[in-house]
Amino acid sequence: MIWLRYTLLLLIFPSYFIALSRRWWTTMPLWLVSTSVMLTQYLMAAQQGAALGAVAADDSFIYAGEMAKIMLIPIAVQFAVTLRAMGIGAGRRENHGSRGLVEALGTGER
């Protein structure tokens, strides 16, 4: 089960780069991989807790924190992709602003 966890973690990088393309569906692999990592983490914790007999309350907070950190990756990427699709972002503003500045300087306006 450990090899599955590390394989899924390694799959986050390619799915992250796929998610940054301009299509709407490209964030789905990142969501699937992140959800799989989160569920694998949960199953490993449950299996370990069953082997030890009981799970302490402190361990559940640690596992919940790890799962939340894993799911922050696709949330942040989805937010960035949505902003880029809406035309909001530094790259879009710089492009429009510099074009306007070049046109103004070209015509002699200030």
PDB file of N, CA and C in Angstrom:
ATOM      1  N   MET A   1       0.835  -1.195   0.000  1.00  0.00           N
ATOM      2  CA  MET A   1       0.000   0.000   0.000  1.00  0.00           C
ATOM      3  C   MET A   1       0.880   1.260   0.000  1.00  0.00           C
ATOM      4  N   ILE A   2       2.065   1.179   0.565  1.00  0.00           N
ATOM      5  CA  ILE A   2       2.970   2.338   0.603  1.00  0.00           C
ATOM      6  C   ILE A   2       3.423   2.708  -0.807  1.00  0.00           C
ATOM      7  N   TRP A   3       3.692   1.718  -1.649  1.00  0.00           N
ATOM      8  CA  TRP A   3       4.134   2.022  -3.010  1.00  0.00           C
ATOM      9  C   TRP A   3       3.042   2.741  -3.782  1.00  0.00           C
ATOM     10  N   LEU A   4       1.777   2.421  -3.496  1.00  0.00           N
ATOM     11  CA  LEU A   4       0.659   3.095  -4.145  1.00  0.00           C
ATOM     12  C   LEU A   4       0.614   4.566  -3.737  1.00  0.00           C
ATOM     13  N   ARG A   5       0.845   4.816  -2.474  1.00  0.00           N
ATOM     14  CA  ARG A   5       0.827   6.189  -1.969  1.00  0.00           C
ATOM     15  C   ARG A   5       1.907   7.027  -2.648  1.00  0.00           C
ATOM     16  N   TYR A   6       3.112   6.512  -2.732  1.00  0.00           N
ATOM     17  CA  TYR A   6       4.197   7.269  -3.346  1.00  0.00           C
ATOM     18  C   TYR A   6       4.020   7.406  -4.852  1.00  0.00           C
ATOM     19  N   THR A   7       3.466   6.411  -5.492  1.00  0.00           N
ATOM     20  CA  THR A   7       3.191   6.509  -6.926  1.00  0.00           C
ATOM     21  C   THR A   7       2.153   7.593  -7.196  1.00  0.00           C
ATOM     22  N   LEU A   8       1.117   7.636  -6.373  1.00  0.00           N
ATOM     23  CA  LEU A   8       0.098   8.666  -6.536  1.00  0.00           C
ATOM     24  C   LEU A   8       0.669  10.057  -6.276  1.00  0.00           C
ATOM     25  N   LEU A   9       1.546  10.170  -5.295  1.00  0.00           N
ATOM     26  CA  LEU A   9       2.169  11.464  -5.023  1.00  0.00           C
ATOM     27  C   LEU A   9       3.030  11.915  -6.196  1.00  0.00           C
ATOM     28  N   LEU A  10       3.693  10.985  -6.855  1.00  0.00           N
ATOM     29  CA  LEU A  10       4.494  11.342  -8.022  1.00  0.00           C
ATOM     30  C   LEU A  10       3.617  11.730  -9.218  1.00  0.00           C
ATOM     31  N   LEU A  11       2.410  11.223  -9.261  1.00  0.00           N
ATOM     32  CA  LEU A  11       1.497  11.571 -10.351  1.00  0.00           C
ATOM     33  C   LEU A  11       0.916  12.976 -10.219  1.00  0.00           C
ATOM     34  N   ILE A  12       1.086  13.597  -9.050  1.00  0.00           N
ATOM     35  CA  ILE A  12       0.578  14.959  -8.863  1.00  0.00           C
ATOM     36  C   ILE A  12       1.310  15.932  -9.785  1.00  0.00           C
ATOM     37  N   PHE A  13       2.617  15.755  -9.967  1.00  0.00           N
ATOM     38  CA  PHE A  13       3.385  16.703 -10.783  1.00  0.00           C
ATOM     39  C   PHE A  13       2.937  16.735 -12.245  1.00  0.00           C
ATOM     40  N   PRO A  14       2.840  15.582 -12.932  1.00  0.00           N
ATOM     41  CA  PRO A  14       2.362  15.668 -14.317  1.00  0.00           C
ATOM     42  C   PRO A  14       0.918  16.164 -14.432  1.00  0.00           C
ATOM     43  N   SER A  15       0.080  15.778 -13.488  1.00  0.00           N
ATOM     44  CA  SER A  15      -1.308  16.237 -13.553  1.00  0.00           C
ATOM     45  C   SER A  15      -1.405  17.735 -13.259  1.00  0.00           C
ATOM     46  N   TYR A  16      -0.469  18.265 -12.473  1.00  0.00           N
ATOM     47  CA  TYR A  16      -0.414  19.703 -12.212  1.00  0.00           C
ATOM     48  C   TYR A  16      -0.092  20.454 -13.500  1.00  0.00           C
ATOM     49  N   PHE A  17       0.889  19.975 -14.251  1.00  0.00           N
ATOM     50  CA  PHE A  17       1.254  20.639 -15.493  1.00  0.00           C
ATOM     51  C   PHE A  17       0.165  20.501 -16.557  1.00  0.00           C
ATOM     52  N   ILE A  18      -0.531  19.390 -16.564  1.00  0.00           N
ATOM     53  CA  ILE A  18      -1.666  19.220 -17.476  1.00  0.00           C
ATOM     54  C   ILE A  18      -2.772  20.204 -17.117  1.00  0.00           C
ATOM     55  N   ALA A  19      -2.975  20.432 -15.824  1.00  0.00           N
ATOM     56  CA  ALA A  19      -4.052  21.313 -15.363  1.00  0.00           C
ATOM     57  C   ALA A  19      -3.824  22.765 -15.757  1.00  0.00           C
ATOM     58  N   LEU A  20      -2.580  23.135 -16.040  1.00  0.00           N
ATOM     59  CA  LEU A  20      -2.312  24.526 -16.386  1.00  0.00           C
ATOM     60  C   LEU A  20      -2.573  24.854 -17.853  1.00  0.00           C
ATOM     61  N   SER A  21      -2.986  23.870 -18.647  1.00  0.00           N
ATOM     62  CA  SER A  21      -3.324  24.179 -20.035  1.00  0.00           C
ATOM     63  C   SER A  21      -4.678  24.887 -20.070  1.00  0.00           C
ATOM     64  N   ARG A  22      -5.090  25.299 -21.229  1.00  0.00           N
ATOM     65  CA  ARG A  22      -6.246  26.194 -21.332  1.00  0.00           C
ATOM     66  C   ARG A  22      -7.599  25.514 -21.451  1.00  0.00           C
ATOM     67  N   ARG A  23      -7.657  24.226 -21.456  1.00  0.00           N
ATOM     68  CA  ARG A  23      -8.942  23.526 -21.583  1.00  0.00           C
ATOM     69  C   ARG A  23      -9.627  23.424 -20.218  1.00  0.00           C
ATOM     70  N   TRP A  24     -10.953  23.360 -20.217  1.00  0.00           N
ATOM     71  CA  TRP A  24     -11.706  23.333 -18.967  1.00  0.00           C
ATOM     72  C   TRP A  24     -11.576  21.989 -18.258  1.00  0.00           C
ATOM     73  N   TRP A  25     -11.366  20.919 -18.974  1.00  0.00           N
ATOM     74  CA  TRP A  25     -11.358  19.567 -18.401  1.00  0.00           C
ATOM     75  C   TRP A  25      -9.993  19.154 -17.877  1.00  0.00           C
ATOM     76  N   THR A  26      -8.967  19.954 -18.080  1.00  0.00           N
ATOM     77  CA  THR A  26      -7.608  19.514 -17.745  1.00  0.00           C
ATOM     78  C   THR A  26      -7.329  19.495 -16.240  1.00  0.00           C
ATOM     79  N   THR A  27      -8.184  20.077 -15.429  1.00  0.00           N
ATOM     80  CA  THR A  27      -7.983  20.003 -13.978  1.00  0.00           C
ATOM     81  C   THR A  27      -8.525  18.699 -13.389  1.00  0.00           C
ATOM     82  N   MET A  28      -9.294  17.956 -14.174  1.00  0.00           N
ATOM     83  CA  MET A  28      -9.861  16.698 -13.670  1.00  0.00           C
ATOM     84  C   MET A  28      -8.817  15.673 -13.250  1.00  0.00           C
ATOM     85  N   PRO A  29      -7.731  15.454 -14.012  1.00  0.00           N
ATOM     86  CA  PRO A  29      -6.723  14.500 -13.541  1.00  0.00           C
ATOM     87  C   PRO A  29      -6.112  14.900 -12.196  1.00  0.00           C
ATOM     88  N   LEU A  30      -5.913  16.197 -11.995  1.00  0.00           N
ATOM     89  CA  LEU A  30      -5.361  16.650 -10.716  1.00  0.00           C
ATOM     90  C   LEU A  30      -6.334  16.378  -9.576  1.00  0.00           C
ATOM     91  N   TRP A  31      -7.608  16.612  -9.804  1.00  0.00           N
ATOM     92  CA  TRP A  31      -8.614  16.319  -8.781  1.00  0.00           C
ATOM     93  C   TRP A  31      -8.655  14.817  -8.478  1.00  0.00           C
ATOM     94  N   LEU A  32      -8.607  14.002  -9.523  1.00  0.00           N
ATOM     95  CA  LEU A  32      -8.657  12.547  -9.316  1.00  0.00           C
ATOM     96  C   LEU A  32      -7.434  12.032  -8.568  1.00  0.00           C
ATOM     97  N   VAL A  33      -6.257  12.507  -8.953  1.00  0.00           N
ATOM     98  CA  VAL A  33      -5.035  12.057  -8.277  1.00  0.00           C
ATOM     99  C   VAL A  33      -5.021  12.539  -6.828  1.00  0.00           C
ATOM    100  N   SER A  34      -5.382  13.788  -6.586  1.00  0.00           N
ATOM    101  CA  SER A  34      -5.388  14.311  -5.215  1.00  0.00           C
ATOM    102  C   SER A  34      -6.408  13.588  -4.336  1.00  0.00           C
ATOM    103  N   THR A  35      -7.574  13.311  -4.892  1.00  0.00           N
ATOM    104  CA  THR A  35      -8.579  12.564  -4.130  1.00  0.00           C
ATOM    105  C   THR A  35      -8.108  11.147  -3.848  1.00  0.00           C
ATOM    106  N   SER A  36      -7.437  10.534  -4.806  1.00  0.00           N
ATOM    107  CA  SER A  36      -6.892   9.188  -4.586  1.00  0.00           C
ATOM    108  C   SER A  36      -5.815   9.188  -3.517  1.00  0.00           C
ATOM    109  N   VAL A  37      -4.958  10.202  -3.532  1.00  0.00           N
ATOM    110  CA  VAL A  37      -3.929  10.316  -2.482  1.00  0.00           C
ATOM    111  C   VAL A  37      -4.583  10.479  -1.124  1.00  0.00           C
ATOM    112  N   MET A  38      -5.610  11.322  -1.051  1.00  0.00           N
ATOM    113  CA  MET A  38      -6.295  11.552   0.221  1.00  0.00           C
ATOM    114  C   MET A  38      -6.963  10.273   0.730  1.00  0.00           C
ATOM    115  N   LEU A  39      -7.635   9.543  -0.153  1.00  0.00           N
ATOM    116  CA  LEU A  39      -8.297   8.310   0.267  1.00  0.00           C
ATOM    117  C   LEU A  39      -7.297   7.228   0.644  1.00  0.00           C
ATOM    118  N   THR A  40      -6.183   7.159  -0.074  1.00  0.00           N
ATOM    119  CA  THR A  40      -5.137   6.194   0.271  1.00  0.00           C
ATOM    120  C   THR A  40      -4.558   6.502   1.637  1.00  0.00           C
ATOM    121  N   GLN A  41      -4.337   7.788   1.901  1.00  0.00           N
ATOM    122  CA  GLN A  41      -3.837   8.210   3.217  1.00  0.00           C
ATOM    123  C   GLN A  41      -4.820   7.807   4.310  1.00  0.00           C
ATOM    124  N   TYR A  42      -6.106   8.019   4.055  1.00  0.00           N
ATOM    125  CA  TYR A  42      -7.130   7.665   5.036  1.00  0.00           C
ATOM    126  C   TYR A  42      -7.177   6.154   5.271  1.00  0.00           C
ATOM    127  N   LEU A  43      -7.137   5.379   4.188  1.00  0.00           N
ATOM    128  CA  LEU A  43      -7.194   3.923   4.328  1.00  0.00           C
ATOM    129  C   LEU A  43      -5.968   3.376   5.063  1.00  0.00           C
ATOM    130  N   MET A  44      -4.811   3.964   4.794  1.00  0.00           N
ATOM    131  CA  MET A  44      -3.605   3.527   5.497  1.00  0.00           C
ATOM    132  C   MET A  44      -3.695   3.854   6.984  1.00  0.00           C
ATOM    133  N   ALA A  45      -4.242   5.013   7.321  1.00  0.00           N
ATOM    134  CA  ALA A  45      -4.406   5.392   8.722  1.00  0.00           C
ATOM    135  C   ALA A  45      -5.423   4.489   9.411  1.00  0.00           C
ATOM    136  N   ALA A  46      -6.514   4.159   8.717  1.00  0.00           N
ATOM    137  CA  ALA A  46      -7.520   3.275   9.300  1.00  0.00           C
ATOM    138  C   ALA A  46      -6.974   1.868   9.490  1.00  0.00           C
ATOM    139  N   GLN A  47      -6.187   1.409   8.526  1.00  0.00           N
ATOM    140  CA  GLN A  47      -5.587   0.081   8.634  1.00  0.00           C
ATOM    141  C   GLN A  47      -4.575   0.024   9.782  1.00  0.00           C
ATOM    142  N   GLN A  48      -3.807   1.085   9.913  1.00  0.00           N
ATOM    143  CA  GLN A  48      -2.828   1.137  11.002  1.00  0.00           C
ATOM    144  C   GLN A  48      -3.530   1.242  12.350  1.00  0.00           C
ATOM    145  N   GLY A  49      -4.620   1.994  12.411  1.00  0.00           N
ATOM    146  CA  GLY A  49      -5.374   2.119  13.654  1.00  0.00           C
ATOM    147  C   GLY A  49      -6.024   0.806  14.058  1.00  0.00           C
ATOM    148  N   ALA A  50      -6.500   0.052  13.079  1.00  0.00           N
ATOM    149  CA  ALA A  50      -7.110  -1.242  13.371  1.00  0.00           C
ATOM    150  C   ALA A  50      -6.063  -2.233  13.859  1.00  0.00           C
ATOM    151  N   ALA A  51      -4.849  -2.129  13.335  1.00  0.00           N
ATOM    152  CA  ALA A  51      -3.783  -3.035  13.766  1.00  0.00           C
ATOM    153  C   ALA A  51      -3.343  -2.727  15.196  1.00  0.00           C
ATOM    154  N   LEU A  52      -3.398  -1.457  15.566  1.00  0.00           N
ATOM    155  CA  LEU A  52      -2.985  -1.071  16.917  1.00  0.00           C
ATOM    156  C   LEU A  52      -4.119  -1.216  17.927  1.00  0.00           C
ATOM    157  N   GLY A  53      -5.311  -1.348  17.458  1.00  0.00           N
ATOM    158  CA  GLY A  53      -6.440  -1.557  18.361  1.00  0.00           C
ATOM    159  C   GLY A  53      -7.331  -0.347  18.498  1.00  0.00           C
ATOM    160  N   ALA A  54      -6.778   0.851  18.524  1.00  0.00           N
ATOM    161  CA  ALA A  54      -7.573   2.064  18.665  1.00  0.00           C
ATOM    162  C   ALA A  54      -6.777   3.236  18.095  1.00  0.00           C
ATOM    163  N   VAL A  55      -7.506   4.226  17.616  1.00  0.00           N
ATOM    164  CA  VAL A  55      -6.869   5.426  17.080  1.00  0.00           C
ATOM    165  C   VAL A  55      -7.051   6.544  18.088  1.00  0.00           C
ATOM    166  N   ALA A  56      -5.974   7.185  18.441  1.00  0.00           N
ATOM    167  CA  ALA A  56      -6.034   8.296  19.384  1.00  0.00           C
ATOM    168  C   ALA A  56      -6.627   9.524  18.718  1.00  0.00           C
ATOM    169  N   ALA A  57      -7.186  10.414  19.514  1.00  0.00           N
ATOM    170  CA  ALA A  57      -7.791  11.633  18.979  1.00  0.00           C
ATOM    171  C   ALA A  57      -6.740  12.531  18.351  1.00  0.00           C
ATOM    172  N   ASP A  58      -5.534  12.536  18.882  1.00  0.00           N
ATOM    173  CA  ASP A  58      -4.467  13.366  18.323  1.00  0.00           C
ATOM    174  C   ASP A  58      -4.113  12.933  16.913  1.00  0.00           C
ATOM    175  N   ASP A  59      -4.117  11.646  16.643  1.00  0.00           N
ATOM    176  CA  ASP A  59      -3.786  11.155  15.316  1.00  0.00           C
ATOM    177  C   ASP A  59      -4.823  11.587  14.280  1.00  0.00           C
ATOM    178  N   SER A  60      -6.072  11.667  14.668  1.00  0.00           N
ATOM    179  CA  SER A  60      -7.101  12.052  13.710  1.00  0.00           C
ATOM    180  C   SER A  60      -6.918  13.498  13.260  1.00  0.00           C
ATOM    181  N   PHE A  61      -6.457  14.381  14.150  1.00  0.00           N
ATOM    182  CA  PHE A  61      -6.184  15.759  13.753  1.00  0.00           C
ATOM    183  C   PHE A  61      -5.011  15.832  12.790  1.00  0.00           C
ATOM    184  N   ILE A  62      -4.016  15.011  13.017  1.00  0.00           N
ATOM    185  CA  ILE A  62      -2.853  14.982  12.129  1.00  0.00           C
ATOM    186  C   ILE A  62      -3.266  14.503  10.739  1.00  0.00           C
ATOM    187  N   TYR A  63      -4.047  13.431  10.670  1.00  0.00           N
ATOM    188  CA  TYR A  63      -4.481  12.902   9.382  1.00  0.00           C
ATOM    189  C   TYR A  63      -5.408  13.877   8.666  1.00  0.00           C
ATOM    190  N   ALA A  64      -6.273  14.538   9.407  1.00  0.00           N
ATOM    191  CA  ALA A  64      -7.167  15.526   8.789  1.00  0.00           C
ATOM    192  C   ALA A  64      -6.361  16.695   8.227  1.00  0.00           C
ATOM    193  N   GLY A  65      -5.330  17.107   8.935  1.00  0.00           N
ATOM    194  CA  GLY A  65      -4.470  18.176   8.435  1.00  0.00           C
ATOM    195  C   GLY A  65      -3.719  17.775   7.186  1.00  0.00           C
ATOM    196  N   GLU A  66      -3.221  16.549   7.148  1.00  0.00           N
ATOM    197  CA  GLU A  66      -2.517  16.069   5.953  1.00  0.00           C
ATOM    198  C   GLU A  66      -3.462  15.986   4.764  1.00  0.00           C
ATOM    199  N   MET A  67      -4.676  15.520   4.987  1.00  0.00           N
ATOM    200  CA  MET A  67      -5.642  15.425   3.897  1.00  0.00           C
ATOM    201  C   MET A  67      -6.029  16.812   3.390  1.00  0.00           C
ATOM    202  N   ALA A  68      -6.163  17.770   4.294  1.00  0.00           N
ATOM    203  CA  ALA A  68      -6.505  19.129   3.878  1.00  0.00           C
ATOM    204  C   ALA A  68      -5.385  19.739   3.045  1.00  0.00           C
ATOM    205  N   LYS A  69      -4.138  19.487   3.434  1.00  0.00           N
ATOM    206  CA  LYS A  69      -3.010  20.011   2.657  1.00  0.00           C
ATOM    207  C   LYS A  69      -2.970  19.408   1.261  1.00  0.00           C
ATOM    208  N   ILE A  70      -3.287  18.144   1.148  1.00  0.00           N
ATOM    209  CA  ILE A  70      -3.294  17.500  -0.168  1.00  0.00           C
ATOM    210  C   ILE A  70      -4.381  18.105  -1.050  1.00  0.00           C
ATOM    211  N   MET A  71      -5.526  18.403  -0.495  1.00  0.00           N
ATOM    212  CA  MET A  71      -6.629  18.926  -1.298  1.00  0.00           C
ATOM    213  C   MET A  71      -6.493  20.416  -1.591  1.00  0.00           C
ATOM    214  N   LEU A  72      -5.581  21.120  -0.920  1.00  0.00           N
ATOM    215  CA  LEU A  72      -5.359  22.525  -1.232  1.00  0.00           C
ATOM    216  C   LEU A  72      -4.717  22.706  -2.607  1.00  0.00           C
ATOM    217  N   ILE A  73      -3.974  21.715  -3.060  1.00  0.00           N
ATOM    218  CA  ILE A  73      -3.306  21.805  -4.364  1.00  0.00           C
ATOM    219  C   ILE A  73      -4.321  21.939  -5.497  1.00  0.00           C
ATOM    220  N   PRO A  74      -5.286  21.023  -5.633  1.00  0.00           N
ATOM    221  CA  PRO A  74      -6.236  21.201  -6.752  1.00  0.00           C
ATOM    222  C   PRO A  74      -7.148  22.407  -6.581  1.00  0.00           C
ATOM    223  N   ILE A  75      -7.430  22.783  -5.342  1.00  0.00           N
ATOM    224  CA  ILE A  75      -8.267  23.972  -5.128  1.00  0.00           C
ATOM    225  C   ILE A  75      -7.548  25.216  -5.625  1.00  0.00           C
ATOM    226  N   ALA A  76      -6.269  25.356  -5.291  1.00  0.00           N
ATOM    227  CA  ALA A  76      -5.497  26.520  -5.728  1.00  0.00           C
ATOM    228  C   ALA A  76      -5.329  26.543  -7.238  1.00  0.00           C
ATOM    229  N   VAL A  77      -5.069  25.390  -7.839  1.00  0.00           N
ATOM    230  CA  VAL A  77      -4.899  25.322  -9.297  1.00  0.00           C
ATOM    231  C   VAL A  77      -6.225  25.627  -9.990  1.00  0.00           C
ATOM    232  N   GLN A  78      -7.318  25.115  -9.490  1.00  0.00           N
ATOM    233  CA  GLN A  78      -8.633  25.401 -10.081  1.00  0.00           C
ATOM    234  C   GLN A  78      -8.935  26.887 -10.012  1.00  0.00           C
ATOM    235  N   PHE A  79      -8.598  27.525  -8.896  1.00  0.00           N
ATOM    236  CA  PHE A  79      -8.801  28.955  -8.728  1.00  0.00           C
ATOM    237  C   PHE A  79      -7.956  29.737  -9.735  1.00  0.00           C
ATOM    238  N   ALA A  80      -6.688  29.351  -9.892  1.00  0.00           N
ATOM    239  CA  ALA A  80      -5.802  30.035 -10.838  1.00  0.00           C
ATOM    240  C   ALA A  80      -6.264  29.858 -12.279  1.00  0.00           C
ATOM    241  N   VAL A  81      -6.686  28.655 -12.627  1.00  0.00           N
ATOM    242  CA  VAL A  81      -7.165  28.391 -13.989  1.00  0.00           C
ATOM    243  C   VAL A  81      -8.449  29.179 -14.260  1.00  0.00           C
ATOM    244  N   THR A  82      -9.324  29.265 -13.270  1.00  0.00           N
ATOM    245  CA  THR A  82     -10.565  30.024 -13.436  1.00  0.00           C
ATOM    246  C   THR A  82     -10.274  31.507 -13.622  1.00  0.00           C
ATOM    247  N   LEU A  83      -9.342  32.050 -12.814  1.00  0.00           N
ATOM    248  CA  LEU A  83      -8.990  33.453 -12.971  1.00  0.00           C
ATOM    249  C   LEU A  83      -8.368  33.732 -14.337  1.00  0.00           C
ATOM    250  N   ARG A  84      -7.521  32.820 -14.793  1.00  0.00           N
ATOM    251  CA  ARG A  84      -6.893  33.006 -16.101  1.00  0.00           C
ATOM    252  C   ARG A  84      -7.931  32.932 -17.215  1.00  0.00           C
ATOM    253  N   ALA A  85      -8.911  32.053 -17.077  1.00  0.00           N
ATOM    254  CA  ALA A  85      -9.960  31.942 -18.089  1.00  0.00           C
ATOM    255  C   ALA A  85     -10.836  33.196 -18.125  1.00  0.00           C
ATOM    256  N   MET A  86     -10.996  33.836 -16.971  1.00  0.00           N
ATOM    257  CA  MET A  86     -11.782  35.061 -16.903  1.00  0.00           C
ATOM    258  C   MET A  86     -10.990  36.272 -17.386  1.00  0.00           C
ATOM    259  N   GLY A  87      -9.691  36.105 -17.587  1.00  0.00           N
ATOM    260  CA  GLY A  87      -8.873  37.223 -18.043  1.00  0.00           C
ATOM    261  C   GLY A  87      -8.326  38.057 -16.920  1.00  0.00           C
ATOM    262  N   ILE A  88      -8.371  37.517 -15.710  1.00  0.00           N
ATOM    263  CA  ILE A  88      -7.850  38.230 -14.548  1.00  0.00           C
ATOM    264  C   ILE A  88      -6.497  37.628 -14.220  1.00  0.00           C
ATOM    265  N   GLY A  89      -5.525  38.468 -14.030  1.00  0.00           N
ATOM    266  CA  GLY A  89      -4.200  37.968 -13.691  1.00  0.00           C
ATOM    267  C   GLY A  89      -3.126  38.924 -14.151  1.00  0.00           C
ATOM    268  N   ALA A  90      -1.926  38.753 -13.636  1.00  0.00           N
ATOM    269  CA  ALA A  90      -0.834  39.664 -13.936  1.00  0.00           C
ATOM    270  C   ALA A  90      -0.451  39.615 -15.404  1.00  0.00           C
ATOM    271  N   GLY A  91      -0.419  38.451 -15.996  1.00  0.00           N
ATOM    272  CA  GLY A  91      -0.034  38.316 -17.394  1.00  0.00           C
ATOM    273  C   GLY A  91      -0.993  39.045 -18.330  1.00  0.00           C
ATOM    274  N   ARG A  92      -2.256  38.977 -18.042  1.00  0.00           N
ATOM    275  CA  ARG A  92      -3.253  39.619 -18.897  1.00  0.00           C
ATOM    276  C   ARG A  92      -3.157  41.138 -18.771  1.00  0.00           C
ATOM    277  N   ARG A  93      -3.024  41.647 -17.529  1.00  0.00           N
ATOM    278  CA  ARG A  93      -2.966  43.092 -17.309  1.00  0.00           C
ATOM    279  C   ARG A  93      -1.708  43.704 -17.909  1.00  0.00           C
ATOM    280  N   GLU A  94      -0.587  43.036 -17.751  1.00  0.00           N
ATOM    281  CA  GLU A  94       0.657  43.568 -18.291  1.00  0.00           C
ATOM    282  C   GLU A  94       0.577  43.656 -19.804  1.00  0.00           C
ATOM    283  N   ASN A  95      -0.020  42.683 -20.419  1.00  0.00           N
ATOM    284  CA  ASN A  95      -0.128  42.662 -21.868  1.00  0.00           C
ATOM    285  C   ASN A  95      -0.971  43.835 -22.363  1.00  0.00           C
ATOM    286  N   HIS A  96      -2.125  44.070 -21.746  1.00  0.00           N
ATOM    287  CA  HIS A  96      -2.994  45.153 -22.171  1.00  0.00           C
ATOM    288  C   HIS A  96      -2.395  46.507 -21.816  1.00  0.00           C
ATOM    289  N   GLY A  97      -1.807  46.610 -20.653  1.00  0.00           N
ATOM    290  CA  GLY A  97      -1.215  47.871 -20.221  1.00  0.00           C
ATOM    291  C   GLY A  97      -0.020  48.266 -21.071  1.00  0.00           C
ATOM    292  N   SER A  98       0.831  47.339 -21.398  1.00  0.00           N
ATOM    293  CA  SER A  98       2.001  47.664 -22.205  1.00  0.00           C
ATOM    294  C   SER A  98       1.593  48.010 -23.635  1.00  0.00           C
ATOM    295  N   ARG A  99       0.582  47.357 -24.152  1.00  0.00           N
ATOM    296  CA  ARG A  99       0.102  47.674 -25.497  1.00  0.00           C
ATOM    297  C   ARG A  99      -0.437  49.104 -25.533  1.00  0.00           C
ATOM    298  N   GLY A 100      -1.185  49.486 -24.516  1.00  0.00           N
ATOM    299  CA  GLY A 100      -1.718  50.848 -24.449  1.00  0.00           C
ATOM    300  C   GLY A 100      -0.613  51.876 -24.293  1.00  0.00           C
ATOM    301  N   LEU A 101       0.402  51.567 -23.533  1.00  0.00           N
ATOM    302  CA  LEU A 101       1.527  52.468 -23.342  1.00  0.00           C
ATOM    303  C   LEU A 101       2.304  52.646 -24.639  1.00  0.00           C
ATOM    304  N   VAL A 102       2.535  51.560 -25.354  1.00  0.00           N
ATOM    305  CA  VAL A 102       3.250  51.637 -26.631  1.00  0.00           C
ATOM    306  C   VAL A 102       2.451  52.459 -27.637  1.00  0.00           C
ATOM    307  N   GLU A 103       1.145  52.276 -27.676  1.00  0.00           N
ATOM    308  CA  GLU A 103       0.326  53.061 -28.596  1.00  0.00           C
ATOM    309  C   GLU A 103       0.343  54.535 -28.236  1.00  0.00           C
ATOM    310  N   ALA A 104       0.281  54.824 -26.919  1.00  0.00           N
ATOM    311  CA  ALA A 104       0.308  56.224 -26.487  1.00  0.00           C
ATOM    312  C   ALA A 104       1.646  56.883 -26.798  1.00  0.00           C
ATOM    313  N   LEU A 105       2.733  56.173 -26.579  1.00  0.00           N
ATOM    314  CA  LEU A 105       4.041  56.723 -26.886  1.00  0.00           C
ATOM    315  C   LEU A 105       4.258  56.839 -28.389  1.00  0.00           C
ATOM    316  N   GLY A 106       3.677  55.965 -29.141  1.00  0.00           N
ATOM    317  CA  GLY A 106       3.810  56.005 -30.603  1.00  0.00           C
ATOM    318  C   GLY A 106       3.113  57.191 -31.222  1.00  0.00           C
ATOM    319  N   THR A 107       2.004  57.628 -30.613  1.00  0.00           N
ATOM    320  CA  THR A 107       1.275  58.777 -31.154  1.00  0.00           C
ATOM    321  C   THR A 107       1.722  60.085 -30.536  1.00  0.00           C
ATOM    322  N   GLY A 108       2.595  60.022 -29.541  1.00  0.00           N
ATOM    323  CA  GLY A 108       3.115  61.234 -28.926  1.00  0.00           C
ATOM    324  C   GLY A 108       2.293  61.723 -27.744  1.00  0.00           C
ATOM    325  N   GLU A 109       1.310  60.981 -27.299  1.00  0.00           N
ATOM    326  CA  GLU A 109       0.500  61.371 -26.143  1.00  0.00           C
ATOM    327  C   GLU A 109       1.198  61.012 -24.852  1.00  0.00           C
ATOM    328  N   ARG A 110       0.887  61.744 -23.811  1.00  0.00           N
ATOM    329  CA  ARG A 110       1.442  61.418 -22.493  1.00  0.00           C
ATOM    330  C   ARG A 110       0.411  61.561 -21.438  1.00  0.00           C
TER     331      ARG A 110
END
